[in-house]
Amino acid sequence: AEASSNAVLGEDYQLGPDQLDVMERLGWHAPTVDGDHPTANL
């Protein structure tokens, strides 16, 4: 599963630190350029 990150979200939908913390607690990982599936999304 991939969820839109600040790299792809419009200005009105940018996520702040508190929202990113919630995403992390839910189990979402930060965007990555490594591994078999690099992605700009959570």
PDB file of all heavy atoms in Angstrom:
ATOM      1  N   ALA A   1       0.850  -1.188   0.000  1.00  0.00           N
ATOM      2  CA  ALA A   1       0.000   0.000   0.000  1.00  0.00           C
ATOM      3  C   ALA A   1       0.883   1.236   0.000  1.00  0.00           C
ATOM      4  O   ALA A   1       1.930   1.262   0.661  1.00  0.00           O
ATOM      5  CB  ALA A   1      -0.905   0.007   1.232  1.00  0.00           C
ATOM      6  N   GLU A   2       0.495   2.239  -0.761  1.00  0.00           N
ATOM      7  CA  GLU A   2       1.211   3.510  -0.784  1.00  0.00           C
ATOM      8  C   GLU A   2       0.226   4.646  -0.560  1.00  0.00           C
ATOM      9  O   GLU A   2      -0.866   4.654  -1.149  1.00  0.00           O
ATOM     10  CB  GLU A   2       1.945   3.699  -2.112  1.00  0.00           C
ATOM     11  CG  GLU A   2       3.041   2.682  -2.341  1.00  0.00           C
ATOM     12  CD  GLU A   2       3.990   3.069  -3.475  1.00  0.00           C
ATOM     13  OE1 GLU A   2       3.890   4.224  -3.952  1.00  0.00           O
ATOM     14  OE2 GLU A   2       4.815   2.224  -3.871  1.00  0.00           O
ATOM     15  N   ALA A   3       0.603   5.592   0.296  1.00  0.00           N
ATOM     16  CA  ALA A   3      -0.228   6.761   0.589  1.00  0.00           C
ATOM     17  C   ALA A   3       0.528   8.014   0.154  1.00  0.00           C
ATOM     18  O   ALA A   3       1.749   8.108   0.320  1.00  0.00           O
ATOM     19  CB  ALA A   3      -0.550   6.836   2.084  1.00  0.00           C
ATOM     20  N   SER A   4      -0.171   8.952  -0.403  1.00  0.00           N
ATOM     21  CA  SER A   4       0.460  10.154  -0.944  1.00  0.00           C
ATOM     22  C   SER A   4       1.259  10.894   0.124  1.00  0.00           C
ATOM     23  O   SER A   4       0.797  11.090   1.247  1.00  0.00           O
ATOM     24  CB  SER A   4      -0.608  11.081  -1.534  1.00  0.00           C
ATOM     25  OG  SER A   4      -1.671  11.267  -0.623  1.00  0.00           O
ATOM     26  N   SER A   5       2.455  11.307  -0.247  1.00  0.00           N
ATOM     27  CA  SER A   5       3.332  12.057   0.658  1.00  0.00           C
ATOM     28  C   SER A   5       3.395  13.514   0.203  1.00  0.00           C
ATOM     29  O   SER A   5       2.810  13.897  -0.813  1.00  0.00           O
ATOM     30  CB  SER A   5       4.737  11.451   0.641  1.00  0.00           C
ATOM     31  OG  SER A   5       5.376  11.727  -0.610  1.00  0.00           O
ATOM     32  N   ASN A   6       4.137  14.313   0.931  1.00  0.00           N
ATOM     33  CA  ASN A   6       4.271  15.728   0.572  1.00  0.00           C
ATOM     34  C   ASN A   6       4.915  15.922  -0.795  1.00  0.00           C
ATOM     35  O   ASN A   6       4.755  16.964  -1.422  1.00  0.00           O
ATOM     36  CB  ASN A   6       5.078  16.464   1.641  1.00  0.00           C
ATOM     37  CG  ASN A   6       4.269  16.680   2.908  1.00  0.00           C
ATOM     38  OD1 ASN A   6       3.045  16.681   2.873  1.00  0.00           O
ATOM     39  ND2 ASN A   6       4.954  16.857   4.035  1.00  0.00           N
ATOM     40  N   ALA A   7       5.636  14.911  -1.252  1.00  0.00           N
ATOM     41  CA  ALA A   7       6.293  15.027  -2.558  1.00  0.00           C
ATOM     42  C   ALA A   7       5.294  15.067  -3.702  1.00  0.00           C
ATOM     43  O   ALA A   7       5.592  15.582  -4.776  1.00  0.00           O
ATOM     44  CB  ALA A   7       7.266  13.873  -2.758  1.00  0.00           C
ATOM     45  N   VAL A   8       4.110  14.528  -3.488  1.00  0.00           N
ATOM     46  CA  VAL A   8       3.106  14.472  -4.562  1.00  0.00           C
ATOM     47  C   VAL A   8       1.831  15.232  -4.223  1.00  0.00           C
ATOM     48  O   VAL A   8       0.982  15.431  -5.096  1.00  0.00           O
ATOM     49  CB  VAL A   8       2.750  13.007  -4.895  1.00  0.00           C
ATOM     50  CG1 VAL A   8       3.968  12.271  -5.419  1.00  0.00           C
ATOM     51  CG2 VAL A   8       2.179  12.286  -3.687  1.00  0.00           C
ATOM     52  N   LEU A   9       1.676  15.662  -2.976  1.00  0.00           N
ATOM     53  CA  LEU A   9       0.468  16.376  -2.565  1.00  0.00           C
ATOM     54  C   LEU A   9       0.536  17.851  -2.947  1.00  0.00           C
ATOM     55  O   LEU A   9       1.609  18.461  -2.931  1.00  0.00           O
ATOM     56  CB  LEU A   9       0.263  16.263  -1.050  1.00  0.00           C
ATOM     57  CG  LEU A   9      -0.181  14.902  -0.521  1.00  0.00           C
ATOM     58  CD1 LEU A   9      -0.088  14.881   1.000  1.00  0.00           C
ATOM     59  CD2 LEU A   9      -1.601  14.583  -0.977  1.00  0.00           C
ATOM     60  N   GLY A  10      -0.612  18.430  -3.276  1.00  0.00           N
ATOM     61  CA  GLY A  10      -0.682  19.847  -3.566  1.00  0.00           C
ATOM     62  C   GLY A  10      -0.462  20.686  -2.320  1.00  0.00           C
ATOM     63  O   GLY A  10      -0.471  20.177  -1.188  1.00  0.00           O
ATOM     64  N   GLU A  11      -0.294  21.973  -2.511  1.00  0.00           N
ATOM     65  CA  GLU A  11       0.023  22.872  -1.402  1.00  0.00           C
ATOM     66  C   GLU A  11      -1.026  22.832  -0.305  1.00  0.00           C
ATOM     67  O   GLU A  11      -0.706  22.901   0.888  1.00  0.00           O
ATOM     68  CB  GLU A  11       0.160  24.303  -1.946  1.00  0.00           C
ATOM     69  CG  GLU A  11       0.549  25.332  -0.897  1.00  0.00           C
ATOM     70  CD  GLU A  11       0.728  26.721  -1.481  1.00  0.00           C
ATOM     71  OE1 GLU A  11       0.706  26.840  -2.731  1.00  0.00           O
ATOM     72  OE2 GLU A  11       0.877  27.673  -0.698  1.00  0.00           O
ATOM     73  N   ASP A  12      -2.290  22.711  -0.678  1.00  0.00           N
ATOM     74  CA  ASP A  12      -3.372  22.724   0.303  1.00  0.00           C
ATOM     75  C   ASP A  12      -3.453  21.447   1.124  1.00  0.00           C
ATOM     76  O   ASP A  12      -4.191  21.399   2.118  1.00  0.00           O
ATOM     77  CB  ASP A  12      -4.722  22.960  -0.384  1.00  0.00           C
ATOM     78  CG  ASP A  12      -4.827  24.336  -1.020  1.00  0.00           C
ATOM     79  OD1 ASP A  12      -4.089  25.235  -0.564  1.00  0.00           O
ATOM     80  OD2 ASP A  12      -5.628  24.505  -1.951  1.00  0.00           O
ATOM     81  N   TYR A  13      -2.717  20.401   0.715  1.00  0.00           N
ATOM     82  CA  TYR A  13      -2.840  19.108   1.382  1.00  0.00           C
ATOM     83  C   TYR A  13      -1.543  18.654   2.049  1.00  0.00           C
ATOM     84  O   TYR A  13      -1.435  17.503   2.466  1.00  0.00           O
ATOM     85  CB  TYR A  13      -3.279  18.040   0.362  1.00  0.00           C
ATOM     86  CG  TYR A  13      -4.579  18.363  -0.321  1.00  0.00           C
ATOM     87  CD1 TYR A  13      -4.592  18.895  -1.608  1.00  0.00           C
ATOM     88  CD2 TYR A  13      -5.795  18.161   0.316  1.00  0.00           C
ATOM     89  CE1 TYR A  13      -5.782  19.199  -2.246  1.00  0.00           C
ATOM     90  CE2 TYR A  13      -6.994  18.456  -0.306  1.00  0.00           C
ATOM     91  CZ  TYR A  13      -6.979  18.985  -1.590  1.00  0.00           C
ATOM     92  OH  TYR A  13      -8.167  19.298  -2.212  1.00  0.00           O
ATOM     93  N   GLN A  14      -0.560  19.540   2.144  1.00  0.00           N
ATOM     94  CA  GLN A  14       0.714  19.164   2.736  1.00  0.00           C
ATOM     95  C   GLN A  14       0.546  18.698   4.191  1.00  0.00           C
ATOM     96  O   GLN A  14      -0.229  19.265   4.954  1.00  0.00           O
ATOM     97  CB  GLN A  14       1.679  20.342   2.686  1.00  0.00           C
ATOM     98  CG  GLN A  14       2.164  20.680   1.274  1.00  0.00           C
ATOM     99  CD  GLN A  14       3.135  19.639   0.744  1.00  0.00           C
ATOM    100  OE1 GLN A  14       4.210  19.421   1.304  1.00  0.00           O
ATOM    101  NE2 GLN A  14       2.761  18.983  -0.348  1.00  0.00           N
ATOM    102  N   LEU A  15       1.287  17.641   4.555  1.00  0.00           N
ATOM    103  CA  LEU A  15       1.204  17.066   5.891  1.00  0.00           C
ATOM    104  C   LEU A  15       2.235  17.708   6.815  1.00  0.00           C
ATOM    105  O   LEU A  15       3.399  17.861   6.450  1.00  0.00           O
ATOM    106  CB  LEU A  15       1.436  15.559   5.829  1.00  0.00           C
ATOM    107  CG  LEU A  15       0.505  14.758   4.907  1.00  0.00           C
ATOM    108  CD1 LEU A  15       0.890  13.288   4.931  1.00  0.00           C
ATOM    109  CD2 LEU A  15      -0.948  14.954   5.305  1.00  0.00           C
ATOM    110  N   GLY A  16       1.785  18.069   8.019  1.00  0.00           N
ATOM    111  CA  GLY A  16       2.681  18.636   9.011  1.00  0.00           C
ATOM    112  C   GLY A  16       3.319  17.553   9.855  1.00  0.00           C
ATOM    113  O   GLY A  16       2.996  16.361   9.729  1.00  0.00           O
ATOM    114  N   PRO A  17       4.230  17.937  10.763  1.00  0.00           N
ATOM    115  CA  PRO A  17       4.928  16.952  11.602  1.00  0.00           C
ATOM    116  C   PRO A  17       3.981  16.063  12.408  1.00  0.00           C
ATOM    117  O   PRO A  17       4.198  14.857  12.523  1.00  0.00           O
ATOM    118  CB  PRO A  17       5.791  17.828  12.517  1.00  0.00           C
ATOM    119  CG  PRO A  17       6.000  19.085  11.736  1.00  0.00           C
ATOM    120  CD  PRO A  17       4.724  19.311  10.981  1.00  0.00           C
ATOM    121  N   ASP A  18       2.921  16.649  12.979  1.00  0.00           N
ATOM    122  CA  ASP A  18       1.981  15.857  13.781  1.00  0.00           C
ATOM    123  C   ASP A  18       1.273  14.813  12.918  1.00  0.00           C
ATOM    124  O   ASP A  18       1.069  13.664  13.344  1.00  0.00           O
ATOM    125  CB  ASP A  18       0.951  16.765  14.446  1.00  0.00           C
ATOM    126  CG  ASP A  18       1.558  17.652  15.521  1.00  0.00           C
ATOM    127  OD1 ASP A  18       2.675  17.328  15.982  1.00  0.00           O
ATOM    128  OD2 ASP A  18       0.919  18.657  15.902  1.00  0.00           O
ATOM    129  N   GLN A  19       0.898  15.201  11.705  1.00  0.00           N
ATOM    130  CA  GLN A  19       0.218  14.257  10.812  1.00  0.00           C
ATOM    131  C   GLN A  19       1.161  13.139  10.376  1.00  0.00           C
ATOM    132  O   GLN A  19       0.763  11.976  10.290  1.00  0.00           O
ATOM    133  CB  GLN A  19      -0.328  14.999   9.597  1.00  0.00           C
ATOM    134  CG  GLN A  19      -1.467  15.961   9.929  1.00  0.00           C
ATOM    135  CD  GLN A  19      -1.804  16.848   8.751  1.00  0.00           C
ATOM    136  OE1 GLN A  19      -0.937  17.558   8.233  1.00  0.00           O
ATOM    137  NE2 GLN A  19      -3.057  16.807   8.318  1.00  0.00           N
ATOM    138  N   LEU A  20       2.415  13.491  10.117  1.00  0.00           N
ATOM    139  CA  LEU A  20       3.391  12.471   9.743  1.00  0.00           C
ATOM    140  C   LEU A  20       3.652  11.508  10.897  1.00  0.00           C
ATOM    141  O   LEU A  20       3.863  10.305  10.673  1.00  0.00           O
ATOM    142  CB  LEU A  20       4.692  13.130   9.287  1.00  0.00           C
ATOM    143  CG  LEU A  20       4.598  13.907   7.959  1.00  0.00           C
ATOM    144  CD1 LEU A  20       5.883  14.686   7.706  1.00  0.00           C
ATOM    145  CD2 LEU A  20       4.323  12.942   6.794  1.00  0.00           C
ATOM    146  N   ASP A  21       3.602  12.025  12.129  1.00  0.00           N
ATOM    147  CA  ASP A  21       3.752  11.152  13.304  1.00  0.00           C
ATOM    148  C   ASP A  21       2.608  10.157  13.393  1.00  0.00           C
ATOM    149  O   ASP A  21       2.809   8.979  13.731  1.00  0.00           O
ATOM    150  CB  ASP A  21       3.813  11.997  14.583  1.00  0.00           C
ATOM    151  CG  ASP A  21       5.142  12.712  14.755  1.00  0.00           C
ATOM    152  OD1 ASP A  21       6.114  12.320  14.080  1.00  0.00           O
ATOM    153  OD2 ASP A  21       5.200  13.658  15.564  1.00  0.00           O
ATOM    154  N   VAL A  22       1.396  10.619  13.091  1.00  0.00           N
ATOM    155  CA  VAL A  22       0.237   9.720  13.105  1.00  0.00           C
ATOM    156  C   VAL A  22       0.412   8.632  12.056  1.00  0.00           C
ATOM    157  O   VAL A  22       0.136   7.447  12.310  1.00  0.00           O
ATOM    158  CB  VAL A  22      -1.069  10.498  12.866  1.00  0.00           C
ATOM    159  CG1 VAL A  22      -2.248   9.531  12.717  1.00  0.00           C
ATOM    160  CG2 VAL A  22      -1.333  11.472  13.997  1.00  0.00           C
ATOM    161  N   MET A  23       0.865   9.010  10.870  1.00  0.00           N
ATOM    162  CA  MET A  23       1.081   8.022   9.812  1.00  0.00           C
ATOM    163  C   MET A  23       2.104   6.972  10.261  1.00  0.00           C
ATOM    164  O   MET A  23       1.928   5.770  10.018  1.00  0.00           O
ATOM    165  CB  MET A  23       1.550   8.701   8.535  1.00  0.00           C
ATOM    166  CG  MET A  23       0.494   9.567   7.859  1.00  0.00           C
ATOM    167  SD  MET A  23      -0.900   8.620   7.221  1.00  0.00           S
ATOM    168  CE  MET A  23      -0.218   7.988   5.682  1.00  0.00           C
ATOM    169  N   GLU A  24       3.147   7.414  10.919  1.00  0.00           N
ATOM    170  CA  GLU A  24       4.171   6.470  11.392  1.00  0.00           C
ATOM    171  C   GLU A  24       3.586   5.516  12.425  1.00  0.00           C
ATOM    172  O   GLU A  24       3.853   4.312  12.392  1.00  0.00           O
ATOM    173  CB  GLU A  24       5.351   7.244  11.983  1.00  0.00           C
ATOM    174  CG  GLU A  24       6.497   6.341  12.444  1.00  0.00           C
ATOM    175  CD  GLU A  24       7.687   7.116  12.979  1.00  0.00           C
ATOM    176  OE1 GLU A  24       7.659   8.361  12.933  1.00  0.00           O
ATOM    177  OE2 GLU A  24       8.640   6.460  13.450  1.00  0.00           O
ATOM    178  N   ARG A  25       2.754   6.044  13.329  1.00  0.00           N
ATOM    179  CA  ARG A  25       2.145   5.187  14.344  1.00  0.00           C
ATOM    180  C   ARG A  25       1.182   4.174  13.720  1.00  0.00           C
ATOM    181  O   ARG A  25       0.984   3.083  14.245  1.00  0.00           O
ATOM    182  CB  ARG A  25       1.413   6.034  15.388  1.00  0.00           C
ATOM    183  CG  ARG A  25       2.344   6.828  16.297  1.00  0.00           C
ATOM    184  CD  ARG A  25       1.626   7.299  17.547  1.00  0.00           C
ATOM    185  NE  ARG A  25       0.532   8.215  17.246  1.00  0.00           N
ATOM    186  CZ  ARG A  25       0.670   9.535  17.146  1.00  0.00           C
ATOM    187  NH1 ARG A  25       1.864  10.092  17.300  1.00  0.00           N
ATOM    188  NH2 ARG A  25      -0.371  10.306  16.886  1.00  0.00           N
ATOM    189  N   LEU A  26       0.588   4.554  12.587  1.00  0.00           N
ATOM    190  CA  LEU A  26      -0.314   3.643  11.887  1.00  0.00           C
ATOM    191  C   LEU A  26       0.440   2.547  11.135  1.00  0.00           C
ATOM    192  O   LEU A  26      -0.168   1.586  10.660  1.00  0.00           O
ATOM    193  CB  LEU A  26      -1.186   4.424  10.900  1.00  0.00           C
ATOM    194  CG  LEU A  26      -2.301   5.286  11.497  1.00  0.00           C
ATOM    195  CD1 LEU A  26      -2.889   6.206  10.434  1.00  0.00           C
ATOM    196  CD2 LEU A  26      -3.395   4.409  12.116  1.00  0.00           C
ATOM    197  N   GLY A  27       1.774   2.708  11.019  1.00  0.00           N
ATOM    198  CA  GLY A  27       2.573   1.691  10.355  1.00  0.00           C
ATOM    199  C   GLY A  27       3.104   2.079   8.991  1.00  0.00           C
ATOM    200  O   GLY A  27       3.737   1.255   8.307  1.00  0.00           O
ATOM    201  N   TRP A  28       2.897   3.337   8.569  1.00  0.00           N
ATOM    202  CA  TRP A  28       3.386   3.781   7.259  1.00  0.00           C
ATOM    203  C   TRP A  28       4.868   4.143   7.364  1.00  0.00           C
ATOM    204  O   TRP A  28       5.296   4.792   8.319  1.00  0.00           O
ATOM    205  CB  TRP A  28       2.590   4.999   6.779  1.00  0.00           C
ATOM    206  CG  TRP A  28       1.146   4.699   6.531  1.00  0.00           C
ATOM    207  CD1 TRP A  28       0.103   4.887   7.389  1.00  0.00           C
ATOM    208  CD2 TRP A  28       0.575   4.156   5.335  1.00  0.00           C
ATOM    209  NE1 TRP A  28      -1.082   4.498   6.825  1.00  0.00           N
ATOM    210  CE2 TRP A  28      -0.826   4.043   5.551  1.00  0.00           C
ATOM    211  CE3 TRP A  28       1.098   3.758   4.105  1.00  0.00           C
ATOM    212  CZ2 TRP A  28      -1.689   3.546   4.593  1.00  0.00           C
ATOM    213  CZ3 TRP A  28       0.247   3.263   3.148  1.00  0.00           C
ATOM    214  CH2 TRP A  28      -1.133   3.156   3.381  1.00  0.00           C
ATOM    215  N   HIS A  29       5.635   3.753   6.334  1.00  0.00           N
ATOM    216  CA  HIS A  29       7.055   4.060   6.273  1.00  0.00           C
ATOM    217  C   HIS A  29       7.292   5.293   5.395  1.00  0.00           C
ATOM    218  O   HIS A  29       6.521   5.578   4.484  1.00  0.00           O
ATOM    219  CB  HIS A  29       7.842   2.881   5.696  1.00  0.00           C
ATOM    220  CG  HIS A  29       7.706   1.624   6.495  1.00  0.00           C
ATOM    221  ND1 HIS A  29       8.201   1.482   7.775  1.00  0.00           N
ATOM    222  CD2 HIS A  29       7.115   0.436   6.189  1.00  0.00           C
ATOM    223  CE1 HIS A  29       7.937   0.280   8.223  1.00  0.00           C
ATOM    224  NE2 HIS A  29       7.260  -0.384   7.281  1.00  0.00           N
ATOM    225  N   ALA A  30       8.389   5.979   5.668  1.00  0.00           N
ATOM    226  CA  ALA A  30       8.743   7.176   4.901  1.00  0.00           C
ATOM    227  C   ALA A  30       9.133   6.799   3.472  1.00  0.00           C
ATOM    228  O   ALA A  30       9.529   5.655   3.201  1.00  0.00           O
ATOM    229  CB  ALA A  30       9.901   7.901   5.589  1.00  0.00           C
ATOM    230  N   PRO A  31       9.013   7.738   2.534  1.00  0.00           N
ATOM    231  CA  PRO A  31       9.445   7.476   1.142  1.00  0.00           C
ATOM    232  C   PRO A  31      10.893   7.003   1.112  1.00  0.00           C
ATOM    233  O   PRO A  31      11.705   7.363   1.974  1.00  0.00           O
ATOM    234  CB  PRO A  31       9.288   8.840   0.471  1.00  0.00           C
ATOM    235  CG  PRO A  31       8.227   9.535   1.273  1.00  0.00           C
ATOM    236  CD  PRO A  31       8.438   9.090   2.696  1.00  0.00           C
ATOM    237  N   THR A  32      11.224   6.183   0.116  1.00  0.00           N
ATOM    238  CA  THR A  32      12.574   5.633   0.044  1.00  0.00           C
ATOM    239  C   THR A  32      13.026   5.520  -1.409  1.00  0.00           C
ATOM    240  O   THR A  32      12.212   5.345  -2.320  1.00  0.00           O
ATOM    241  CB  THR A  32      12.623   4.235   0.697  1.00  0.00           C
ATOM    242  OG1 THR A  32      13.946   3.705   0.582  1.00  0.00           O
ATOM    243  CG2 THR A  32      11.639   3.288   0.036  1.00  0.00           C
ATOM    244  N   VAL A  33      14.342   5.650  -1.593  1.00  0.00           N
ATOM    245  CA  VAL A  33      14.915   5.466  -2.935  1.00  0.00           C
ATOM    246  C   VAL A  33      15.650   4.132  -3.009  1.00  0.00           C
ATOM    247  O   VAL A  33      16.233   3.797  -4.047  1.00  0.00           O
ATOM    248  CB  VAL A  33      15.892   6.614  -3.277  1.00  0.00           C
ATOM    249  CG1 VAL A  33      15.140   7.935  -3.354  1.00  0.00           C
ATOM    250  CG2 VAL A  33      17.022   6.702  -2.235  1.00  0.00           C
ATOM    251  N   ASP A  34      15.637   3.380  -1.902  1.00  0.00           N
ATOM    252  CA  ASP A  34      16.358   2.110  -1.842  1.00  0.00           C
ATOM    253  C   ASP A  34      15.391   0.942  -1.990  1.00  0.00           C
ATOM    254  O   ASP A  34      14.171   1.095  -1.975  1.00  0.00           O
ATOM    255  CB  ASP A  34      17.113   1.990  -0.509  1.00  0.00           C
ATOM    256  CG  ASP A  34      18.117   3.123  -0.312  1.00  0.00           C
ATOM    257  OD1 ASP A  34      18.766   3.481  -1.314  1.00  0.00           O
ATOM    258  OD2 ASP A  34      18.227   3.624   0.822  1.00  0.00           O
ATOM    259  N   GLY A  35      15.972  -0.261  -2.109  1.00  0.00           N
ATOM    260  CA  GLY A  35      15.177  -1.473  -2.148  1.00  0.00           C
ATOM    261  C   GLY A  35      14.597  -1.766  -3.523  1.00  0.00           C
ATOM    262  O   GLY A  35      14.895  -1.094  -4.518  1.00  0.00           O
ATOM    263  N   ASP A  36      13.730  -2.785  -3.562  1.00  0.00           N
ATOM    264  CA  ASP A  36      13.136  -3.218  -4.828  1.00  0.00           C
ATOM    265  C   ASP A  36      12.014  -2.306  -5.308  1.00  0.00           C
ATOM    266  O   ASP A  36      11.664  -2.327  -6.488  1.00  0.00           O
ATOM    267  CB  ASP A  36      12.585  -4.645  -4.678  1.00  0.00           C
ATOM    268  CG  ASP A  36      13.679  -5.666  -4.395  1.00  0.00           C
ATOM    269  OD1 ASP A  36      14.824  -5.425  -4.829  1.00  0.00           O
ATOM    270  OD2 ASP A  36      13.378  -6.680  -3.730  1.00  0.00           O
ATOM    271  N   HIS A  37      11.465  -1.514  -4.393  1.00  0.00           N
ATOM    272  CA  HIS A  37      10.324  -0.680  -4.764  1.00  0.00           C
ATOM    273  C   HIS A  37      10.514   0.761  -4.270  1.00  0.00           C
ATOM    274  O   HIS A  37       9.826   1.216  -3.361  1.00  0.00           O
ATOM    275  CB  HIS A  37       9.029  -1.252  -4.169  1.00  0.00           C
ATOM    276  CG  HIS A  37       8.758  -2.670  -4.561  1.00  0.00           C
ATOM    277  ND1 HIS A  37       8.268  -3.024  -5.799  1.00  0.00           N
ATOM    278  CD2 HIS A  37       8.931  -3.836  -3.877  1.00  0.00           C
ATOM    279  CE1 HIS A  37       8.126  -4.336  -5.863  1.00  0.00           C
ATOM    280  NE2 HIS A  37       8.534  -4.854  -4.711  1.00  0.00           N
ATOM    281  N   PRO A  38      11.458   1.497  -4.848  1.00  0.00           N
ATOM    282  CA  PRO A  38      11.625   2.899  -4.452  1.00  0.00           C
ATOM    283  C   PRO A  38      10.352   3.687  -4.759  1.00  0.00           C
ATOM    284  O   PRO A  38       9.689   3.456  -5.765  1.00  0.00           O
ATOM    285  CB  PRO A  38      12.800   3.370  -5.311  1.00  0.00           C
ATOM    286  CG  PRO A  38      12.820   2.435  -6.475  1.00  0.00           C
ATOM    287  CD  PRO A  38      12.368   1.109  -5.944  1.00  0.00           C
ATOM    288  N   THR A  39      10.022   4.616  -3.872  1.00  0.00           N
ATOM    289  CA  THR A  39       8.787   5.371  -4.050  1.00  0.00           C
ATOM    290  C   THR A  39       8.869   6.719  -3.359  1.00  0.00           C
ATOM    291  O   THR A  39       9.556   6.864  -2.349  1.00  0.00           O
ATOM    292  CB  THR A  39       7.576   4.592  -3.490  1.00  0.00           C
ATOM    293  OG1 THR A  39       6.380   5.379  -3.638  1.00  0.00           O
ATOM    294  CG2 THR A  39       7.756   4.258  -2.015  1.00  0.00           C
ATOM    295  N   ALA A  40       8.164   7.681  -3.935  1.00  0.00           N
ATOM    296  CA  ALA A  40       8.069   9.010  -3.319  1.00  0.00           C
ATOM    297  C   ALA A  40       6.935   9.067  -2.320  1.00  0.00           C
ATOM    298  O   ALA A  40       6.715  10.095  -1.675  1.00  0.00           O
ATOM    299  CB  ALA A  40       7.855  10.068  -4.407  1.00  0.00           C
ATOM    300  N   ASN A  41       6.188   7.970  -2.166  1.00  0.00           N
ATOM    301  CA  ASN A  41       5.037   7.940  -1.268  1.00  0.00           C
ATOM    302  C   ASN A  41       5.356   7.246   0.045  1.00  0.00           C
ATOM    303  O   ASN A  41       6.336   6.504   0.158  1.00  0.00           O
ATOM    304  CB  ASN A  41       3.870   7.192  -1.936  1.00  0.00           C
ATOM    305  CG  ASN A  41       3.383   7.910  -3.177  1.00  0.00           C
ATOM    306  OD1 ASN A  41       3.207   9.117  -3.166  1.00  0.00           O
ATOM    307  ND2 ASN A  41       3.175   7.153  -4.252  1.00  0.00           N
ATOM    308  N   LEU A  42       4.499   7.458   1.032  1.00  0.00           N
ATOM    309  CA  LEU A  42       4.535   6.669   2.250  1.00  0.00           C
ATOM    310  C   LEU A  42       4.077   5.254   1.885  1.00  0.00           C
ATOM    311  O   LEU A  42       3.225   5.090   1.012  1.00  0.00           O
ATOM    312  CB  LEU A  42       3.611   7.277   3.307  1.00  0.00           C
ATOM    313  CG  LEU A  42       3.945   8.722   3.718  1.00  0.00           C
ATOM    314  CD1 LEU A  42       2.739   9.400   4.321  1.00  0.00           C
ATOM    315  CD2 LEU A  42       5.108   8.734   4.689  1.00  0.00           C
TER     316      LEU A  42
END
